[in-house]
C-alpha atoms as a PDB file:
ATOM      1  CA  UNK A   1      -9.404  21.006 -11.933  1.00  0.00           C
ATOM      2  CA  UNK A   2      -8.007  20.359  -8.466  1.00  0.00           C
ATOM      3  CA  UNK A   3      -4.635  21.769  -7.579  1.00  0.00           C
ATOM      4  CA  UNK A   4      -2.392  21.346  -4.619  1.00  0.00           C
ATOM      5  CA  UNK A   5       0.809  19.711  -3.574  1.00  0.00           C
ATOM      6  CA  UNK A   6       1.957  16.376  -2.269  1.00  0.00           C
ATOM      7  CA  UNK A   7       4.944  15.787  -0.050  1.00  0.00           C
ATOM      8  CA  UNK A   8       6.487  12.342  -0.458  1.00  0.00           C
ATOM      9  CA  UNK A   9       8.984  10.949   1.999  1.00  0.00           C
ATOM     10  CA  UNK A  10      10.993   8.012   0.755  1.00  0.00           C
ATOM     11  CA  UNK A  11      12.018   5.464   3.376  1.00  0.00           C
ATOM     12  CA  UNK A  12      15.765   5.463   2.625  1.00  0.00           C
ATOM     13  CA  UNK A  13      16.005   2.189   4.515  1.00  0.00           C
ATOM     14  CA  UNK A  14      13.799   3.313   7.403  1.00  0.00           C
ATOM     15  CA  UNK A  15      10.103   2.474   7.434  1.00  0.00           C
ATOM     16  CA  UNK A  16       8.258   3.638  10.542  1.00  0.00           C
ATOM     17  CA  UNK A  17       4.517   4.031  10.473  1.00  0.00           C
ATOM     18  CA  UNK A  18       4.484   5.608  13.936  1.00  0.00           C
ATOM     19  CA  UNK A  19       6.262   8.683  12.534  1.00  0.00           C
ATOM     20  CA  UNK A  20       3.278   9.536  10.324  1.00  0.00           C
ATOM     21  CA  UNK A  21       0.629  12.082  11.256  1.00  0.00           C
ATOM     22  CA  UNK A  22      -2.211  10.073  12.859  1.00  0.00           C
ATOM     23  CA  UNK A  23      -4.781  12.534  11.470  1.00  0.00           C
ATOM     24  CA  UNK A  24      -3.819  12.154   7.798  1.00  0.00           C
ATOM     25  CA  UNK A  25      -4.494   9.374   5.275  1.00  0.00           C
ATOM     26  CA  UNK A  26      -1.635   7.078   4.300  1.00  0.00           C
ATOM     27  CA  UNK A  27      -0.563   6.393   0.714  1.00  0.00           C
ATOM     28  CA  UNK A  28       1.526   3.258   0.197  1.00  0.00           C
ATOM     29  CA  UNK A  29       3.253   2.725  -3.154  1.00  0.00           C
ATOM     30  CA  UNK A  30       4.986  -0.604  -3.760  1.00  0.00           C
ATOM     31  CA  UNK A  31       6.791  -2.084  -6.730  1.00  0.00           C
ATOM     32  CA  UNK A  32       7.322  -5.845  -6.835  1.00  0.00           C
ATOM     33  CA  UNK A  33       8.922  -7.225  -3.698  1.00  0.00           C
ATOM     34  CA  UNK A  34       9.041  -3.707  -2.252  1.00  0.00           C
ATOM     35  CA  UNK A  35       5.655  -4.702  -0.878  1.00  0.00           C
ATOM     36  CA  UNK A  36       7.280  -6.599   2.038  1.00  0.00           C
ATOM     37  CA  UNK A  37       7.851  -3.647   4.429  1.00  0.00           C
ATOM     38  CA  UNK A  38       4.520  -2.124   3.417  1.00  0.00           C
ATOM     39  CA  UNK A  39       2.801  -5.434   4.173  1.00  0.00           C
ATOM     40  CA  UNK A  40       4.153  -5.285   7.727  1.00  0.00           C
ATOM     41  CA  UNK A  41       2.873  -1.737   8.188  1.00  0.00           C
ATOM     42  CA  UNK A  42      -0.571  -2.585   6.802  1.00  0.00           C
ATOM     43  CA  UNK A  43      -0.771  -5.639   9.066  1.00  0.00           C
ATOM     44  CA  UNK A  44       0.043  -3.371  12.014  1.00  0.00           C
ATOM     45  CA  UNK A  45      -2.699  -0.926  11.021  1.00  0.00           C
ATOM     46  CA  UNK A  46      -5.178  -3.790  10.718  1.00  0.00           C
ATOM     47  CA  UNK A  47      -4.139  -5.469  13.981  1.00  0.00           C
ATOM     48  CA  UNK A  48      -4.508  -2.200  15.876  1.00  0.00           C
ATOM     49  CA  UNK A  49      -7.829  -1.310  14.227  1.00  0.00           C
ATOM     50  CA  UNK A  50      -6.294   1.971  13.117  1.00  0.00           C
ATOM     51  CA  UNK A  51      -9.116   4.175  11.767  1.00  0.00           C
ATOM     52  CA  UNK A  52      -6.942   6.095   9.296  1.00  0.00           C
ATOM     53  CA  UNK A  53      -7.837   6.005   5.635  1.00  0.00           C
ATOM     54  CA  UNK A  54      -5.082   4.231   3.720  1.00  0.00           C
ATOM     55  CA  UNK A  55      -4.381   3.304   0.119  1.00  0.00           C
ATOM     56  CA  UNK A  56      -2.051   0.771  -1.462  1.00  0.00           C
ATOM     57  CA  UNK A  57      -0.897   1.045  -5.063  1.00  0.00           C
ATOM     58  CA  UNK A  58       1.108  -2.061  -5.934  1.00  0.00           C
ATOM     59  CA  UNK A  59       2.754  -2.423  -9.333  1.00  0.00           C
ATOM     60  CA  UNK A  60       4.613  -5.449 -10.628  1.00  0.00           C
ATOM     61  CA  UNK A  61       5.977  -6.727 -13.887  1.00  0.00           C
ATOM     62  CA  UNK A  62       3.795  -9.841 -13.948  1.00  0.00           C
ATOM     63  CA  UNK A  63       0.662 -10.983 -12.156  1.00  0.00           C
ATOM     64  CA  UNK A  64       2.660 -13.630 -10.293  1.00  0.00           C
ATOM     65  CA  UNK A  65       4.879 -10.863  -8.862  1.00  0.00           C
ATOM     66  CA  UNK A  66       1.806  -9.639  -6.979  1.00  0.00           C
ATOM     67  CA  UNK A  67       2.427 -12.615  -4.717  1.00  0.00           C
ATOM     68  CA  UNK A  68      -0.185 -11.696  -2.073  1.00  0.00           C
ATOM     69  CA  UNK A  69      -2.765 -10.118  -4.369  1.00  0.00           C
ATOM     70  CA  UNK A  70      -5.667 -12.278  -3.151  1.00  0.00           C
ATOM     71  CA  UNK A  71      -4.856 -11.643   0.515  1.00  0.00           C
ATOM     72  CA  UNK A  72      -4.641  -7.887  -0.023  1.00  0.00           C
ATOM     73  CA  UNK A  73      -7.966  -7.977  -1.894  1.00  0.00           C
ATOM     74  CA  UNK A  74      -9.480  -9.720   1.145  1.00  0.00           C
ATOM     75  CA  UNK A  75      -8.170  -6.989   3.447  1.00  0.00           C
ATOM     76  CA  UNK A  76      -9.668  -4.317   1.204  1.00  0.00           C
ATOM     77  CA  UNK A  77     -12.996  -6.153   1.039  1.00  0.00           C
ATOM     78  CA  UNK A  78     -13.250  -6.286   4.834  1.00  0.00           C
ATOM     79  CA  UNK A  79     -11.774  -2.919   5.828  1.00  0.00           C
ATOM     80  CA  UNK A  80     -13.820   0.009   4.584  1.00  0.00           C
ATOM     81  CA  UNK A  81     -11.032   2.580   4.994  1.00  0.00           C
ATOM     82  CA  UNK A  82      -8.441   0.535   3.030  1.00  0.00           C
ATOM     83  CA  UNK A  83      -8.306   0.870  -0.748  1.00  0.00           C
ATOM     84  CA  UNK A  84      -6.156  -1.357  -2.964  1.00  0.00           C
ATOM     85  CA  UNK A  85      -5.113  -0.837  -6.566  1.00  0.00           C
ATOM     86  CA  UNK A  86      -2.779  -3.145  -8.466  1.00  0.00           C
ATOM     87  CA  UNK A  87      -1.132  -2.853 -11.866  1.00  0.00           C
ATOM     88  CA  UNK A  88       0.794  -5.300 -14.039  1.00  0.00           C
ATOM     89  CA  UNK A  89       3.214  -3.505 -16.360  1.00  0.00           C
ATOM     90  CA  UNK A  90       4.175  -6.365 -18.691  1.00  0.00           C
ATOM     91  CA  UNK A  91       0.991  -8.035 -19.880  1.00  0.00           C
ATOM     92  CA  UNK A  92       3.053 -10.734 -21.681  1.00  0.00           C
ATOM     93  CA  UNK A  93       5.083 -11.727 -18.604  1.00  0.00           C
ATOM     94  CA  UNK A  94       4.134 -14.964 -16.847  1.00  0.00           C
END
């Protein structure tokens, strides 16, 4: 069993990818439309060919709330160091 600790910094209205340690992986967690600022940061990483390992966990109430799911899947398919995981919490929601 692995043990350790994780430090999470919430944005509190400020999202700046350049303040992160360039030697450490990035964990993005988005819920619903909270994906918008994360999308901008991921696009910046991709545009700059940033070599950091990064993960996106995106949760939404319905599949349609994952409004860029296909695009994000394309990014993950073409960028080896980007890993995407999505989750729909209300399987009955349209």
